[in-house]
């Protein structure tokens, strides 16, 4: 079995939103938390300081219950 992987990622023009697309649909279960998600960023502006939130959580958790 192949684990899901990122096929593309885009940052908007204001550098305020990162959109990540996976090779398959991802559904997060009700027990999911931020420690289950690992982010690695490379570039010239290190160290990075950011926060994140999940958008469309009503859709993400819809099928997990």
PDB file of N, CA and C in Angstrom:
ATOM      1  N   UNK A   1       0.832  -1.188   0.000  1.00  0.00           N
ATOM      2  CA  UNK A   1       0.000   0.000   0.000  1.00  0.00           C
ATOM      3  C   UNK A   1       0.872   1.245   0.000  1.00  0.00           C
ATOM      4  N   UNK A   2       0.454   2.227  -0.754  1.00  0.00           N
ATOM      5  CA  UNK A   2       1.172   3.502  -0.791  1.00  0.00           C
ATOM      6  C   UNK A   2       0.445   4.496   0.101  1.00  0.00           C
ATOM      7  N   UNK A   3       1.181   5.153   0.988  1.00  0.00           N
ATOM      8  CA  UNK A   3       0.598   6.180   1.849  1.00  0.00           C
ATOM      9  C   UNK A   3       0.230   7.409   1.023  1.00  0.00           C
ATOM     10  N   UNK A   4      -0.777   8.180   1.469  1.00  0.00           N
ATOM     11  CA  UNK A   4      -1.102   9.428   0.780  1.00  0.00           C
ATOM     12  C   UNK A   4       0.114  10.354   0.768  1.00  0.00           C
ATOM     13  N   UNK A   5       0.231  11.146  -0.291  1.00  0.00           N
ATOM     14  CA  UNK A   5       1.344  12.074  -0.372  1.00  0.00           C
ATOM     15  C   UNK A   5       0.887  13.376  -1.032  1.00  0.00           C
ATOM     16  N   UNK A   6       1.643  14.440  -0.803  1.00  0.00           N
ATOM     17  CA  UNK A   6       1.339  15.760  -1.345  1.00  0.00           C
ATOM     18  C   UNK A   6       1.721  15.781  -2.824  1.00  0.00           C
ATOM     19  N   UNK A   7       0.788  16.233  -3.667  1.00  0.00           N
ATOM     20  CA  UNK A   7       1.081  16.358  -5.097  1.00  0.00           C
ATOM     21  C   UNK A   7       1.323  17.809  -5.491  1.00  0.00           C
ATOM     22  N   UNK A   8       0.797  18.757  -4.718  1.00  0.00           N
ATOM     23  CA  UNK A   8       1.056  20.171  -4.983  1.00  0.00           C
ATOM     24  C   UNK A   8       0.731  20.990  -3.749  1.00  0.00           C
ATOM     25  N   UNK A   9       1.338  22.159  -3.675  1.00  0.00           N
ATOM     26  CA  UNK A   9       1.063  23.104  -2.589  1.00  0.00           C
ATOM     27  C   UNK A   9       1.210  24.509  -3.155  1.00  0.00           C
ATOM     28  N   UNK A  10       0.284  25.382  -2.789  1.00  0.00           N
ATOM     29  CA  UNK A  10       0.276  26.742  -3.308  1.00  0.00           C
ATOM     30  C   UNK A  10       0.136  27.739  -2.165  1.00  0.00           C
ATOM     31  N   UNK A  11       0.853  28.845  -2.252  1.00  0.00           N
ATOM     32  CA  UNK A  11       0.733  29.944  -1.288  1.00  0.00           C
ATOM     33  C   UNK A  11       0.077  31.106  -2.016  1.00  0.00           C
ATOM     34  N   UNK A  12      -0.938  31.722  -1.379  1.00  0.00           N
ATOM     35  CA  UNK A  12      -1.621  32.830  -2.055  1.00  0.00           C
ATOM     36  C   UNK A  12      -0.707  34.059  -2.125  1.00  0.00           C
ATOM     37  N   UNK A  13      -1.134  35.065  -2.866  1.00  0.00           N
ATOM     38  CA  UNK A  13      -0.313  36.250  -3.107  1.00  0.00           C
ATOM     39  C   UNK A  13       0.017  37.033  -1.839  1.00  0.00           C
ATOM     40  N   UNK A  14      -0.836  36.941  -0.816  1.00  0.00           N
ATOM     41  CA  UNK A  14      -0.596  37.656   0.443  1.00  0.00           C
ATOM     42  C   UNK A  14       0.241  36.847   1.430  1.00  0.00           C
ATOM     43  N   UNK A  15       0.659  35.665   1.043  1.00  0.00           N
ATOM     44  CA  UNK A  15       1.398  34.756   1.933  1.00  0.00           C
ATOM     45  C   UNK A  15       0.633  34.465   3.214  1.00  0.00           C
ATOM     46  N   UNK A  16      -0.685  34.347   3.106  1.00  0.00           N
ATOM     47  CA  UNK A  16      -1.503  34.088   4.286  1.00  0.00           C
ATOM     48  C   UNK A  16      -2.208  32.744   4.253  1.00  0.00           C
ATOM     49  N   UNK A  17      -2.187  32.066   3.097  1.00  0.00           N
ATOM     50  CA  UNK A  17      -2.863  30.781   3.014  1.00  0.00           C
ATOM     51  C   UNK A  17      -2.062  29.812   2.154  1.00  0.00           C
ATOM     52  N   UNK A  18      -1.860  28.645   2.707  1.00  0.00           N
ATOM     53  CA  UNK A  18      -1.193  27.561   1.994  1.00  0.00           C
ATOM     54  C   UNK A  18      -2.238  26.496   1.692  1.00  0.00           C
ATOM     55  N   UNK A  19      -2.366  26.131   0.440  1.00  0.00           N
ATOM     56  CA  UNK A  19      -3.288  25.075   0.033  1.00  0.00           C
ATOM     57  C   UNK A  19      -2.463  23.861  -0.345  1.00  0.00           C
ATOM     58  N   UNK A  20      -2.768  22.734   0.283  1.00  0.00           N
ATOM     59  CA  UNK A  20      -2.036  21.496   0.039  1.00  0.00           C
ATOM     60  C   UNK A  20      -2.987  20.494  -0.593  1.00  0.00           C
ATOM     61  N   UNK A  21      -2.562  19.904  -1.711  1.00  0.00           N
ATOM     62  CA  UNK A  21      -3.365  18.892  -2.409  1.00  0.00           C
ATOM     63  C   UNK A  21      -2.670  17.539  -2.316  1.00  0.00           C
ATOM     64  N   UNK A  22      -3.438  16.528  -1.934  1.00  0.00           N
ATOM     65  CA  UNK A  22      -2.920  15.175  -1.790  1.00  0.00           C
ATOM     66  C   UNK A  22      -3.304  14.327  -3.000  1.00  0.00           C
ATOM     67  N   UNK A  23      -2.693  13.184  -3.130  1.00  0.00           N
ATOM     68  CA  UNK A  23      -2.977  12.286  -4.245  1.00  0.00           C
ATOM     69  C   UNK A  23      -4.321  11.570  -4.102  1.00  0.00           C
ATOM     70  N   UNK A  24      -4.944  11.677  -2.954  1.00  0.00           N
ATOM     71  CA  UNK A  24      -6.255  11.076  -2.724  1.00  0.00           C
ATOM     72  C   UNK A  24      -7.000  11.901  -1.688  1.00  0.00           C
ATOM     73  N   UNK A  25      -8.308  11.689  -1.587  1.00  0.00           N
ATOM     74  CA  UNK A  25      -9.093  12.405  -0.593  1.00  0.00           C
ATOM     75  C   UNK A  25      -8.628  12.034   0.812  1.00  0.00           C
ATOM     76  N   UNK A  26      -8.596  13.037   1.675  1.00  0.00           N
ATOM     77  CA  UNK A  26      -8.178  12.821   3.057  1.00  0.00           C
ATOM     78  C   UNK A  26      -9.366  13.087   3.977  1.00  0.00           C
ATOM     79  N   UNK A  27      -9.611  12.191   4.911  1.00  0.00           N
ATOM     80  CA  UNK A  27     -10.655  12.375   5.907  1.00  0.00           C
ATOM     81  C   UNK A  27     -10.020  12.268   7.282  1.00  0.00           C
ATOM     82  N   UNK A  28     -10.289  13.257   8.123  1.00  0.00           N
ATOM     83  CA  UNK A  28      -9.731  13.258   9.471  1.00  0.00           C
ATOM     84  C   UNK A  28     -10.760  12.708  10.434  1.00  0.00           C
ATOM     85  N   UNK A  29     -10.337  11.780  11.290  1.00  0.00           N
ATOM     86  CA  UNK A  29     -11.233  11.206  12.270  1.00  0.00           C
ATOM     87  C   UNK A  29     -11.440  12.127  13.448  1.00  0.00           C
ATOM     88  N   UNK A  30     -12.434  11.851  14.282  1.00  0.00           N
ATOM     89  CA  UNK A  30     -12.745  12.716  15.423  1.00  0.00           C
ATOM     90  C   UNK A  30     -11.617  12.771  16.454  1.00  0.00           C
ATOM     91  N   UNK A  31     -10.730  11.794  16.478  1.00  0.00           N
ATOM     92  CA  UNK A  31      -9.628  11.797  17.434  1.00  0.00           C
ATOM     93  C   UNK A  31      -8.390  12.530  16.946  1.00  0.00           C
ATOM     94  N   UNK A  32      -8.447  13.108  15.760  1.00  0.00           N
ATOM     95  CA  UNK A  32      -7.303  13.798  15.171  1.00  0.00           C
ATOM     96  C   UNK A  32      -6.977  15.058  15.957  1.00  0.00           C
ATOM     97  N   UNK A  33      -5.679  15.358  16.093  1.00  0.00           N
ATOM     98  CA  UNK A  33      -5.281  16.630  16.702  1.00  0.00           C
ATOM     99  C   UNK A  33      -4.028  17.148  16.008  1.00  0.00           C
ATOM    100  N   UNK A  34      -3.626  18.355  16.343  1.00  0.00           N
ATOM    101  CA  UNK A  34      -2.528  19.005  15.622  1.00  0.00           C
ATOM    102  C   UNK A  34      -1.198  18.282  15.781  1.00  0.00           C
ATOM    103  N   UNK A  35      -1.022  17.494  16.817  1.00  0.00           N
ATOM    104  CA  UNK A  35       0.237  16.768  16.971  1.00  0.00           C
ATOM    105  C   UNK A  35       0.362  15.618  15.962  1.00  0.00           C
ATOM    106  N   UNK A  36      -0.732  15.271  15.284  1.00  0.00           N
ATOM    107  CA  UNK A  36      -0.698  14.235  14.253  1.00  0.00           C
ATOM    108  C   UNK A  36      -0.196  14.766  12.913  1.00  0.00           C
ATOM    109  N   UNK A  37       0.025  16.057  12.825  1.00  0.00           N
ATOM    110  CA  UNK A  37       0.362  16.715  11.566  1.00  0.00           C
ATOM    111  C   UNK A  37       1.754  17.304  11.675  1.00  0.00           C
ATOM    112  N   UNK A  38       2.659  16.924  10.796  1.00  0.00           N
ATOM    113  CA  UNK A  38       4.040  17.404  10.831  1.00  0.00           C
ATOM    114  C   UNK A  38       4.290  18.310   9.634  1.00  0.00           C
ATOM    115  N   UNK A  39       4.769  19.535   9.888  1.00  0.00           N
ATOM    116  CA  UNK A  39       5.018  20.496   8.817  1.00  0.00           C
ATOM    117  C   UNK A  39       6.505  20.790   8.760  1.00  0.00           C
ATOM    118  N   UNK A  40       7.057  20.739   7.553  1.00  0.00           N
ATOM    119  CA  UNK A  40       8.471  21.058   7.340  1.00  0.00           C
ATOM    120  C   UNK A  40       8.548  22.109   6.243  1.00  0.00           C
ATOM    121  N   UNK A  41       9.159  23.255   6.542  1.00  0.00           N
ATOM    122  CA  UNK A  41       9.270  24.356   5.584  1.00  0.00           C
ATOM    123  C   UNK A  41      10.737  24.677   5.379  1.00  0.00           C
ATOM    124  N   UNK A  42      11.129  24.832   4.137  1.00  0.00           N
ATOM    125  CA  UNK A  42      12.492  25.230   3.814  1.00  0.00           C
ATOM    126  C   UNK A  42      12.453  26.546   3.051  1.00  0.00           C
ATOM    127  N   UNK A  43      13.469  27.362   3.234  1.00  0.00           N
ATOM    128  CA  UNK A  43      13.539  28.611   2.495  1.00  0.00           C
ATOM    129  C   UNK A  43      14.433  29.627   3.181  1.00  0.00           C
ATOM    130  N   UNK A  44      14.495  30.814   2.602  1.00  0.00           N
ATOM    131  CA  UNK A  44      15.427  31.833   3.048  1.00  0.00           C
ATOM    132  C   UNK A  44      14.985  32.593   4.292  1.00  0.00           C
ATOM    133  N   UNK A  45      13.731  32.504   4.696  1.00  0.00           N
ATOM    134  CA  UNK A  45      13.235  33.339   5.781  1.00  0.00           C
ATOM    135  C   UNK A  45      13.208  32.628   7.128  1.00  0.00           C
ATOM    136  N   UNK A  46      13.894  31.543   7.277  1.00  0.00           N
ATOM    137  CA  UNK A  46      13.896  30.808   8.554  1.00  0.00           C
ATOM    138  C   UNK A  46      14.473  31.691   9.652  1.00  0.00           C
ATOM    139  N   UNK A  47      14.080  31.569  10.895  1.00  0.00           N
ATOM    140  CA  UNK A  47      13.051  30.625  11.372  1.00  0.00           C
ATOM    141  C   UNK A  47      11.651  31.132  11.068  1.00  0.00           C
ATOM    142  N   UNK A  48      10.768  30.208  10.747  1.00  0.00           N
ATOM    143  CA  UNK A  48       9.397  30.547  10.401  1.00  0.00           C
ATOM    144  C   UNK A  48       8.550  30.616  11.656  1.00  0.00           C
ATOM    145  N   UNK A  49       7.605  31.519  11.649  1.00  0.00           N
ATOM    146  CA  UNK A  49       6.659  31.652  12.745  1.00  0.00           C
ATOM    147  C   UNK A  49       5.267  31.685  12.127  1.00  0.00           C
ATOM    148  N   UNK A  50       4.458  30.670  12.369  1.00  0.00           N
ATOM    149  CA  UNK A  50       3.153  30.625  11.733  1.00  0.00           C
ATOM    150  C   UNK A  50       2.160  29.880  12.611  1.00  0.00           C
ATOM    151  N   UNK A  51       0.911  30.111  12.318  1.00  0.00           N
ATOM    152  CA  UNK A  51      -0.173  29.352  12.924  1.00  0.00           C
ATOM    153  C   UNK A  51      -0.993  28.785  11.774  1.00  0.00           C
ATOM    154  N   UNK A  52      -1.807  27.796  12.056  1.00  0.00           N
ATOM    155  CA  UNK A  52      -2.659  27.259  11.006  1.00  0.00           C
ATOM    156  C   UNK A  52      -3.981  26.803  11.584  1.00  0.00           C
ATOM    157  N   UNK A  53      -4.951  26.726  10.715  1.00  0.00           N
ATOM    158  CA  UNK A  53      -6.256  26.199  11.077  1.00  0.00           C
ATOM    159  C   UNK A  53      -6.788  25.406   9.891  1.00  0.00           C
ATOM    160  N   UNK A  54      -7.649  24.477  10.176  1.00  0.00           N
ATOM    161  CA  UNK A  54      -8.269  23.697   9.108  1.00  0.00           C
ATOM    162  C   UNK A  54      -9.491  24.427   8.600  1.00  0.00           C
ATOM    163  N   UNK A  55      -9.595  24.541   7.289  1.00  0.00           N
ATOM    164  CA  UNK A  55     -10.776  25.125   6.674  1.00  0.00           C
ATOM    165  C   UNK A  55     -11.732  24.008   6.283  1.00  0.00           C
ATOM    166  N   UNK A  56     -12.983  24.323   6.195  1.00  0.00           N
ATOM    167  CA  UNK A  56     -14.013  23.375   5.759  1.00  0.00           C
ATOM    168  C   UNK A  56     -14.094  22.148   6.668  1.00  0.00           C
ATOM    169  N   UNK A  57     -13.974  22.383   7.971  1.00  0.00           N
ATOM    170  CA  UNK A  57     -14.017  21.244   8.903  1.00  0.00           C
ATOM    171  C   UNK A  57     -15.342  20.504   8.848  1.00  0.00           C
ATOM    172  N   UNK A  58     -16.436  21.185   8.474  1.00  0.00           N
ATOM    173  CA  UNK A  58     -17.710  20.481   8.348  1.00  0.00           C
ATOM    174  C   UNK A  58     -17.633  19.398   7.279  1.00  0.00           C
ATOM    175  N   UNK A  59     -16.863  19.631   6.231  1.00  0.00           N
ATOM    176  CA  UNK A  59     -16.672  18.635   5.178  1.00  0.00           C
ATOM    177  C   UNK A  59     -15.633  17.596   5.581  1.00  0.00           C
ATOM    178  N   UNK A  60     -14.554  18.024   6.223  1.00  0.00           N
ATOM    179  CA  UNK A  60     -13.482  17.110   6.612  1.00  0.00           C
ATOM    180  C   UNK A  60     -13.961  16.046   7.576  1.00  0.00           C
ATOM    181  N   UNK A  61     -14.818  16.426   8.510  1.00  0.00           N
ATOM    182  CA  UNK A  61     -15.269  15.493   9.540  1.00  0.00           C
ATOM    183  C   UNK A  61     -16.619  14.859   9.219  1.00  0.00           C
ATOM    184  N   UNK A  62     -17.208  15.222   8.111  1.00  0.00           N
ATOM    185  CA  UNK A  62     -18.537  14.768   7.748  1.00  0.00           C
ATOM    186  C   UNK A  62     -18.658  13.248   7.683  1.00  0.00           C
ATOM    187  N   UNK A  63     -17.677  12.602   7.091  1.00  0.00           N
ATOM    188  CA  UNK A  63     -17.758  11.155   6.876  1.00  0.00           C
ATOM    189  C   UNK A  63     -17.059  10.351   7.965  1.00  0.00           C
ATOM    190  N   UNK A  64     -16.430  11.045   8.926  1.00  0.00           N
ATOM    191  CA  UNK A  64     -15.683  10.341   9.954  1.00  0.00           C
ATOM    192  C   UNK A  64     -16.543   9.846  11.097  1.00  0.00           C
ATOM    193  N   UNK A  65     -17.753  10.354  11.225  1.00  0.00           N
ATOM    194  CA  UNK A  65     -18.618   9.968  12.359  1.00  0.00           C
ATOM    195  C   UNK A  65     -19.464   8.769  12.048  1.00  0.00           C
TER     196      UNK A  65
END
